[in-house]
Amino acid sequence: MLVPLAKLSCLAYQCFHALKIKKNYLPLCATRWSSTSTVPRITTHYTIYPRDKDKRWEGVNMERFAEEADVVIVGAGPAGLSAAVRLKQLAVAHEKDIRVCLVEKAAQIGAHTLSGACLDPGAFKELFPDWKEKGAPLNTPVTEDRFGILTEKYRIPVPILPGLPMNNHGNYIVRLGHLVSWMGEQAEALGVEVYPGYAAAEVLFHDDGSVKGIATNDVGIQKDGAPKATFERGLELHAKVTIFAEGCHGHLAKQLYKKFDLRANCEPQTYGIGLKELWVIDEKNWKPGRVDHTVGWPLDRHTYGGSFLYHLNEGEPLVALGLVVGLDYQNPYLSPFREFQRWKHHPSIRPTLEGGKRIAYGARALNEGGFQSERERMQSKWLPFSLYQNSPFLVVY
């Protein structure tokens, strides 16, 4: 249906005139706007849409198959895998047999893991005392640690004193996706049931309100929300203990925050976005083991953030670089991606990348709230021990 130009409001006409849009384009624009009313609502298995009111779902078997476990873990990141491994280690030490199930939305363990990353090996060595013999991918010990403040043209070096959080002496530069993949192998060797490719879609509750477990996502759904011939209902996993290790701003954790009022008595959480790239560079610019962190330019004094540049020792001249920007920036026109590109042209960064090639890139959200966003200790009949919302994972009975 076309909307005649004469029927457009005076204000709308003025807007078109101000944008210098020719009148012969208006019917096309109006057609596109009005045609949306005839397009069916797009739904997916991530969209909350009442299927009982959709005739396309009549006669579809909606029964779920249920499995019982002692512990169910959502998310196969470092936190979830560490929990799974430690549980099985303790079970062996106490001669107990427990069933631990871990679900991960990525098709492969580690595929959705993105980080710098500098690893303090203390806790890792406690979890895997024989990590060297088992071939853990910790190949790059930190050999040089630098910190600086950037201006538009210069880098001001800042000394890193022993004991400061930025001191990486004794740490390792790792590719966290590779490390998580290795941890997944160790978990399976201990008897953890790992299910990659299964996204946890729903928290299940007992009649008394306590957490019963989770349900995985349905599969075989068309883009318009209709079931395919291959439709399969998700799996229910019931457990005595459920661990939510979803990472930043997990959609199931948000449901639990609301149900159990986990955001009470603490400051609101704040978030940042981290952008990362992996480059192969000229070997003459490669300094294996060097760690560079900077703050300042290209961000202004009203925007917090910082950058990293890590030289990996992976058999070829690789560097991992990235920029983190707080998502509470005041300038609505600021683009973290563009600021990242500007940063790469800084006189202290550009020489490292000249002649190189980007081979991978990605981005992810980060929790930035700190201690002020930590929840107070919480005790209840459903949460019988301390619980902190900013911790790597959340445990709910």
Protein backbone atom coordinates (compact mmCIF):
# COMPACT_ATOMS: atom_id res chain seq x y z
CA MET A 1 0.00 0.00 0.00
CA LEU A 2 1.38 3.42 -0.98
CA VAL A 3 1.04 6.45 1.25
CA PRO A 4 0.40 9.63 -0.79
CA LEU A 5 2.82 12.42 -0.10
CA ALA A 6 -0.09 14.72 0.74
CA LYS A 7 -1.08 12.48 3.66
CA LEU A 8 2.32 12.73 5.32
CA SER A 9 2.29 14.96 8.36
CA CYS A 10 3.78 18.43 8.08
CA LEU A 11 6.54 17.43 10.48
CA ALA A 12 7.41 14.31 8.47
CA TYR A 13 7.50 16.35 5.25
CA GLN A 14 9.84 18.87 6.87
CA CYS A 15 12.13 16.06 7.98
CA PHE A 16 12.32 14.67 4.43
CA HIS A 17 12.97 18.14 3.08
CA ALA A 18 15.73 18.75 5.62
CA LEU A 19 17.39 15.49 4.61
CA LYS A 20 17.14 16.56 0.94
CA ILE A 21 15.35 13.36 -0.06
CA LYS A 22 13.68 13.67 -3.43
CA LYS A 23 9.90 13.27 -3.55
CA ASN A 24 10.07 10.33 -5.95
CA TYR A 25 11.81 8.32 -3.21
CA LEU A 26 8.97 8.85 -0.74
CA PRO A 27 6.57 6.25 -2.22
CA LEU A 28 9.34 3.64 -2.00
CA CYS A 29 10.05 4.51 1.64
CA ALA A 30 6.35 4.53 2.48
CA THR A 31 5.90 1.15 0.78
CA ARG A 32 8.68 -0.38 2.85
CA TRP A 33 7.24 1.00 6.07
CA SER A 34 3.68 -0.03 5.40
CA SER A 35 4.61 -3.49 4.12
CA THR A 36 5.97 -4.47 7.54
CA SER A 37 2.40 -4.84 8.76
CA THR A 38 1.88 -7.78 6.39
CA VAL A 39 5.07 -9.65 7.32
CA PRO A 40 4.60 -12.39 9.95
CA ARG A 41 6.39 -11.90 13.22
CA ILE A 42 9.86 -13.43 13.16
CA THR A 43 10.40 -15.83 16.05
CA THR A 44 13.25 -18.12 16.98
CA HIS A 45 13.92 -20.47 19.85
CA TYR A 46 15.48 -17.47 21.63
CA THR A 47 12.23 -15.46 21.37
CA ILE A 48 9.61 -15.84 24.08
CA TYR A 49 6.49 -16.47 22.00
CA PRO A 50 3.43 -18.44 23.18
CA ARG A 51 3.42 -21.55 21.00
CA ASP A 52 0.08 -22.64 22.43
CA LYS A 53 -1.49 -19.75 20.49
CA ASP A 54 0.35 -20.54 17.23
CA LYS A 55 -1.60 -22.94 14.99
CA ARG A 56 1.62 -24.09 13.32
CA TRP A 57 2.55 -25.89 16.54
CA GLU A 58 -0.69 -27.85 16.86
CA GLY A 59 -0.02 -31.57 17.12
CA VAL A 60 3.74 -31.16 17.72
CA ASN A 61 5.07 -33.34 20.53
CA MET A 62 6.40 -30.92 23.17
CA GLU A 63 7.43 -33.53 25.73
CA ARG A 64 11.01 -33.28 26.96
CA PHE A 65 13.29 -36.16 27.86
CA ALA A 66 14.74 -35.71 31.36
CA GLU A 67 18.10 -36.82 32.78
CA GLU A 68 19.19 -36.85 36.42
CA ALA A 69 22.65 -35.76 37.54
CA ASP A 70 24.38 -34.78 40.75
CA VAL A 71 25.80 -31.53 39.34
CA VAL A 72 24.92 -29.63 36.17
CA ILE A 73 27.23 -26.86 34.94
CA VAL A 74 26.21 -24.28 32.35
CA GLY A 75 29.14 -22.92 30.35
CA ALA A 76 32.47 -24.54 29.44
CA GLY A 77 34.72 -21.57 30.06
CA PRO A 78 37.63 -21.54 32.52
CA ALA A 79 35.28 -21.24 35.52
CA GLY A 80 32.86 -23.99 34.50
CA LEU A 81 35.59 -26.43 33.52
CA SER A 82 37.59 -25.71 36.68
CA ALA A 83 34.50 -26.47 38.76
CA ALA A 84 33.86 -29.70 36.85
CA VAL A 85 37.46 -30.89 37.14
CA ARG A 86 37.69 -30.08 40.85
CA LEU A 87 34.41 -31.83 41.61
CA LYS A 88 35.60 -35.04 39.97
CA GLN A 89 38.99 -34.79 41.68
CA LEU A 90 37.31 -34.46 45.08
CA ALA A 91 34.95 -37.33 44.26
CA VAL A 92 37.90 -39.59 43.50
CA ALA A 93 39.73 -38.47 46.65
CA HIS A 94 36.68 -39.32 48.80
CA GLU A 95 35.87 -42.49 46.83
CA LYS A 96 32.52 -41.14 45.69
CA ASP A 97 30.84 -41.62 42.34
CA ILE A 98 29.04 -38.49 41.14
CA ARG A 99 27.62 -37.58 37.77
CA VAL A 100 28.74 -34.16 36.51
CA CYS A 101 27.19 -32.83 33.28
CA LEU A 102 28.46 -29.71 31.52
CA VAL A 103 26.59 -28.02 28.65
CA GLU A 104 28.20 -25.53 26.27
CA LYS A 105 26.52 -23.58 23.46
CA ALA A 106 29.61 -23.59 21.20
CA ALA A 107 30.05 -26.47 18.79
CA GLN A 108 33.57 -27.03 20.18
CA ILE A 109 34.94 -26.40 23.66
CA GLY A 110 36.85 -23.12 23.57
CA ALA A 111 35.25 -21.83 20.37
CA HIS A 112 33.45 -18.98 22.19
CA THR A 113 36.30 -18.15 24.57
CA LEU A 114 37.99 -14.82 23.87
CA SER A 115 40.61 -13.16 26.04
CA GLY A 116 44.10 -11.64 26.01
CA ALA A 117 45.27 -13.36 28.16
CA CYS A 118 47.90 -13.20 30.91
CA LEU A 119 47.47 -16.15 33.27
CA ASP A 120 48.62 -16.28 36.88
CA PRO A 121 49.47 -20.00 37.10
CA GLY A 122 49.00 -20.35 40.87
CA ALA A 123 45.45 -21.73 40.91
CA PHE A 124 46.04 -23.55 37.62
CA LYS A 125 48.96 -25.48 39.14
CA GLU A 126 46.79 -26.45 42.12
CA LEU A 127 44.16 -27.81 39.75
CA PHE A 128 46.66 -29.53 37.45
CA PRO A 129 49.91 -30.24 39.36
CA ASP A 130 51.21 -32.28 36.40
CA TRP A 131 50.20 -29.74 33.73
CA LYS A 132 53.62 -29.84 32.04
CA GLU A 133 53.57 -33.62 31.64
CA LYS A 134 50.03 -33.43 30.25
CA GLY A 135 51.01 -30.82 27.67
CA ALA A 136 49.02 -27.79 28.79
CA PRO A 137 49.40 -24.99 26.21
CA LEU A 138 51.34 -22.62 28.48
CA ASN A 139 54.12 -21.91 26.01
CA THR A 140 54.94 -18.26 26.61
CA PRO A 141 56.27 -17.16 30.00
CA VAL A 142 56.33 -13.38 30.42
CA THR A 143 59.88 -12.14 29.83
CA GLU A 144 59.25 -8.38 29.63
CA ASP A 145 56.44 -6.38 31.22
CA ARG A 146 55.77 -2.79 30.15
CA PHE A 147 53.11 -0.22 30.98
CA GLY A 148 52.58 3.20 29.47
CA ILE A 149 50.30 6.20 29.07
CA LEU A 150 49.60 7.21 25.47
CA THR A 151 49.18 10.71 24.15
CA GLU A 152 48.32 11.31 20.52
CA LYS A 153 51.98 11.09 19.44
CA TYR A 154 53.96 9.82 22.42
CA ARG A 155 54.15 6.98 24.93
CA ILE A 156 54.99 7.85 28.54
CA PRO A 157 56.51 4.80 30.28
CA VAL A 158 55.27 4.01 33.79
CA PRO A 159 57.33 1.71 36.04
CA ILE A 160 55.60 -1.43 37.34
CA LEU A 161 56.64 -2.01 40.93
CA PRO A 162 56.62 -5.49 42.51
CA GLY A 163 53.32 -6.29 44.18
CA LEU A 164 51.18 -4.15 41.89
CA PRO A 165 48.28 -5.91 40.09
CA MET A 166 49.81 -5.07 36.71
CA ASN A 167 53.02 -6.95 37.55
CA ASN A 168 53.04 -10.08 35.37
CA HIS A 169 56.35 -11.54 36.56
CA GLY A 170 55.93 -15.33 36.65
CA ASN A 171 52.75 -15.28 34.55
CA TYR A 172 52.13 -16.84 31.14
CA ILE A 173 50.71 -15.38 27.94
CA VAL A 174 48.09 -17.84 26.73
CA ARG A 175 45.53 -18.23 23.98
CA LEU A 176 42.62 -18.88 26.28
CA GLY A 177 40.54 -20.72 23.68
CA HIS A 178 43.34 -23.29 23.30
CA LEU A 179 43.74 -23.58 27.07
CA VAL A 180 40.00 -24.12 27.58
CA SER A 181 39.99 -26.78 24.86
CA TRP A 182 42.78 -28.60 26.71
CA MET A 183 40.89 -28.28 29.99
CA GLY A 184 37.86 -29.83 28.32
CA GLU A 185 39.95 -32.87 27.39
CA GLN A 186 41.12 -33.21 31.00
CA ALA A 187 37.54 -32.94 32.26
CA GLU A 188 36.36 -35.70 29.94
CA ALA A 189 39.30 -37.88 31.00
CA LEU A 190 38.09 -37.54 34.61
CA GLY A 191 34.58 -38.63 33.63
CA VAL A 192 32.80 -35.30 33.21
CA GLU A 193 30.01 -35.54 30.62
CA VAL A 194 30.62 -32.61 28.26
CA TYR A 195 27.87 -31.64 25.81
CA PRO A 196 29.09 -29.05 23.26
CA GLY A 197 26.51 -27.57 20.92
CA TYR A 198 23.77 -27.51 23.57
CA ALA A 199 22.70 -24.06 24.74
CA ALA A 200 20.96 -23.85 28.12
CA ALA A 201 17.69 -22.10 27.30
CA GLU A 202 15.66 -22.24 30.50
CA VAL A 203 16.03 -22.55 34.28
CA LEU A 204 13.75 -25.19 35.79
CA PHE A 205 12.28 -24.73 39.27
CA HIS A 206 10.71 -26.99 41.88
CA ASP A 207 7.24 -26.18 43.20
CA ASP A 208 8.81 -24.54 46.26
CA GLY A 209 10.80 -22.15 44.03
CA SER A 210 14.21 -23.79 44.34
CA VAL A 211 16.25 -24.51 41.22
CA LYS A 212 15.63 -27.95 39.75
CA GLY A 213 18.03 -27.78 36.80
CA ILE A 214 18.08 -26.50 33.25
CA ALA A 215 16.58 -27.27 29.85
CA THR A 216 18.59 -27.09 26.63
CA ASN A 217 17.41 -25.31 23.50
CA ASP A 218 14.95 -26.74 20.99
CA VAL A 219 16.34 -27.46 17.52
CA GLY A 220 14.74 -27.67 14.09
CA ILE A 221 12.90 -24.33 14.01
CA GLN A 222 12.50 -22.16 10.92
CA LYS A 223 13.36 -18.46 10.89
CA ASP A 224 9.67 -17.54 11.03
CA GLY A 225 9.20 -19.64 14.17
CA ALA A 226 7.50 -22.65 12.57
CA PRO A 227 8.68 -26.19 13.42
CA LYS A 228 10.64 -28.11 10.80
CA ALA A 229 10.17 -31.79 10.12
CA THR A 230 13.42 -32.31 12.05
CA PHE A 231 12.17 -30.46 15.16
CA GLU A 232 13.44 -31.88 18.43
CA ARG A 233 12.56 -30.73 21.92
CA GLY A 234 15.37 -29.75 24.26
CA LEU A 235 16.68 -31.97 27.02
CA GLU A 236 15.93 -31.43 30.71
CA LEU A 237 18.85 -31.89 33.09
CA HIS A 238 17.83 -32.16 36.74
CA ALA A 239 20.49 -31.86 39.43
CA LYS A 240 21.06 -31.54 43.15
CA VAL A 241 23.40 -28.63 42.43
CA THR A 242 23.34 -26.34 39.38
CA ILE A 243 26.32 -24.12 38.56
CA PHE A 244 25.82 -21.20 36.18
CA ALA A 245 29.16 -20.27 34.60
CA GLU A 246 27.70 -18.35 31.66
CA GLY A 247 30.13 -15.45 31.71
CA CYS A 248 29.25 -11.79 31.42
CA HIS A 249 25.53 -10.89 31.42
CA GLY A 250 24.32 -14.47 31.01
CA HIS A 251 20.63 -14.73 30.11
CA LEU A 252 19.91 -17.44 32.70
CA ALA A 253 21.78 -15.58 35.43
CA LYS A 254 19.61 -12.54 34.72
CA GLN A 255 16.52 -14.64 35.47
CA LEU A 256 18.06 -15.73 38.77
CA TYR A 257 19.06 -12.18 39.70
CA LYS A 258 15.42 -11.18 39.36
CA LYS A 259 13.86 -14.21 41.04
CA PHE A 260 16.19 -14.24 44.07
CA ASP A 261 16.74 -10.45 44.16
CA LEU A 262 20.49 -10.87 43.75
CA ARG A 263 21.04 -7.24 42.73
CA ALA A 264 19.88 -5.90 46.10
CA ASN A 265 22.29 -3.99 48.36
CA CYS A 266 24.97 -3.49 45.74
CA GLU A 267 25.88 -1.00 43.06
CA PRO A 268 24.66 -1.68 39.49
CA GLN A 269 26.97 -3.77 37.37
CA THR A 270 28.92 -1.92 34.68
CA TYR A 271 30.25 -3.40 31.47
CA GLY A 272 32.96 -2.95 28.90
CA ILE A 273 33.59 -4.28 25.43
CA GLY A 274 36.87 -5.93 24.55
CA LEU A 275 38.03 -6.09 20.94
CA LYS A 276 40.87 -8.43 20.04
CA GLU A 277 42.89 -9.30 16.94
CA LEU A 278 45.56 -11.89 16.24
CA TRP A 279 48.35 -10.91 13.84
CA VAL A 280 51.27 -12.63 12.15
CA ILE A 281 54.02 -10.01 12.09
CA ASP A 282 57.49 -9.54 10.65
CA GLU A 283 59.92 -11.67 12.65
CA LYS A 284 62.26 -8.73 13.23
CA ASN A 285 59.46 -7.01 15.22
CA TRP A 286 58.67 -10.10 17.29
CA LYS A 287 59.65 -10.13 20.98
CA PRO A 288 58.35 -13.45 22.44
CA GLY A 289 57.16 -13.01 26.01
CA ARG A 290 56.76 -9.22 25.91
CA VAL A 291 53.62 -7.79 27.53
CA ASP A 292 52.53 -4.22 26.76
CA HIS A 293 49.62 -2.47 28.48
CA THR A 294 48.59 1.14 27.86
CA VAL A 295 45.92 3.62 28.90
CA GLY A 296 45.02 7.04 27.54
CA TRP A 297 44.79 7.87 23.84
CA PRO A 298 42.65 7.34 21.75
CA LEU A 299 40.10 7.50 24.61
CA ASP A 300 39.35 10.84 26.26
CA ARG A 301 39.43 11.54 29.99
CA HIS A 302 35.69 10.84 30.28
CA THR A 303 36.00 7.28 28.91
CA TYR A 304 37.80 4.51 30.76
CA GLY A 305 39.58 1.68 29.02
CA GLY A 306 42.98 0.40 28.01
CA SER A 307 44.88 -1.73 25.54
CA PHE A 308 47.15 -4.76 25.43
CA LEU A 309 49.78 -6.12 23.05
CA TYR A 310 51.15 -9.60 23.78
CA HIS A 311 53.96 -11.33 21.86
CA LEU A 312 53.19 -15.07 21.76
CA ASN A 313 55.72 -17.87 21.42
CA GLU A 314 53.74 -20.30 19.28
CA GLY A 315 56.36 -21.27 16.71
CA GLU A 316 55.52 -18.35 14.43
CA PRO A 317 55.67 -14.57 15.04
CA LEU A 318 52.21 -14.01 16.54
CA VAL A 319 50.92 -11.06 18.55
CA ALA A 320 47.57 -10.68 20.30
CA LEU A 321 46.35 -7.11 20.60
CA GLY A 322 43.18 -5.47 21.79
CA LEU A 323 41.34 -2.51 23.25
CA VAL A 324 38.82 -2.48 26.10
CA VAL A 325 36.30 0.38 26.29
CA GLY A 326 33.81 0.96 29.09
CA LEU A 327 30.27 0.81 27.77
CA ASP A 328 29.17 3.81 29.82
CA TYR A 329 30.97 6.23 27.48
CA GLN A 330 29.25 9.62 27.26
CA ASN A 331 29.78 10.34 23.57
CA PRO A 332 26.99 8.54 21.65
CA TYR A 333 29.01 8.77 18.44
CA LEU A 334 32.04 6.96 19.85
CA SER A 335 32.79 3.69 18.05
CA PRO A 336 35.02 1.30 20.03
CA PHE A 337 35.95 -0.46 16.79
CA ARG A 338 37.12 2.78 15.16
CA GLU A 339 39.04 3.77 18.28
CA PHE A 340 40.77 0.39 18.09
CA GLN A 341 41.81 1.09 14.50
CA ARG A 342 43.14 4.52 15.51
CA TRP A 343 45.12 2.95 18.35
CA LYS A 344 46.89 0.63 15.92
CA HIS A 345 48.25 3.69 14.11
CA HIS A 346 49.91 5.14 17.21
CA PRO A 347 53.68 5.70 16.70
CA SER A 348 54.47 3.19 19.47
CA ILE A 349 52.17 0.46 18.07
CA ARG A 350 52.34 0.80 14.30
CA PRO A 351 55.99 -0.34 13.85
CA THR A 352 55.14 -3.72 15.42
CA LEU A 353 52.32 -4.35 12.93
CA GLU A 354 53.92 -3.02 9.75
CA GLY A 355 54.34 -5.81 7.21
CA GLY A 356 52.06 -8.09 9.24
CA LYS A 357 48.68 -9.66 8.55
CA ARG A 358 45.58 -10.02 10.69
CA ILE A 359 44.47 -13.66 10.84
CA ALA A 360 41.69 -13.59 13.47
CA TYR A 361 39.50 -11.13 15.33
CA GLY A 362 36.62 -11.00 17.79
CA ALA A 363 34.90 -9.10 20.58
CA ARG A 364 33.11 -9.82 23.83
CA ALA A 365 31.45 -8.10 26.78
CA LEU A 366 33.25 -7.80 30.12
CA ASN A 367 32.15 -7.27 33.72
CA GLU A 368 33.72 -4.04 34.96
CA GLY A 369 31.76 -3.37 38.16
CA GLY A 370 34.48 -4.35 40.60
CA PHE A 371 34.00 -4.73 44.35
CA GLN A 372 31.32 -2.04 44.54
CA SER A 373 29.09 -4.26 42.36
CA GLU A 374 29.69 -7.33 44.52
CA ARG A 375 26.71 -8.73 46.33
CA GLU A 376 26.68 -9.12 50.10
CA ARG A 377 26.81 -12.62 51.55
CA MET A 378 23.47 -14.29 51.02
CA GLN A 379 21.92 -17.18 52.90
CA SER A 380 18.57 -18.80 52.19
CA LYS A 381 17.01 -22.23 52.09
CA TRP A 382 17.79 -22.33 48.35
CA LEU A 383 21.23 -20.69 48.53
CA PRO A 384 22.83 -22.22 51.64
CA PHE A 385 26.26 -20.58 51.23
CA SER A 386 27.92 -17.35 50.15
CA LEU A 387 26.99 -16.11 46.70
CA TYR A 388 28.52 -13.22 44.77
CA GLN A 389 27.06 -11.94 41.53
CA ASN A 390 30.40 -10.75 40.10
CA SER A 391 32.15 -14.05 40.69
CA PRO A 392 33.21 -16.28 37.77
CA PHE A 393 30.20 -18.47 38.38
CA LEU A 394 27.01 -18.67 40.38
CA VAL A 395 25.93 -21.73 42.33
CA VAL A 396 22.27 -22.43 43.07
CA TYR A 397 20.85 -25.44 44.91
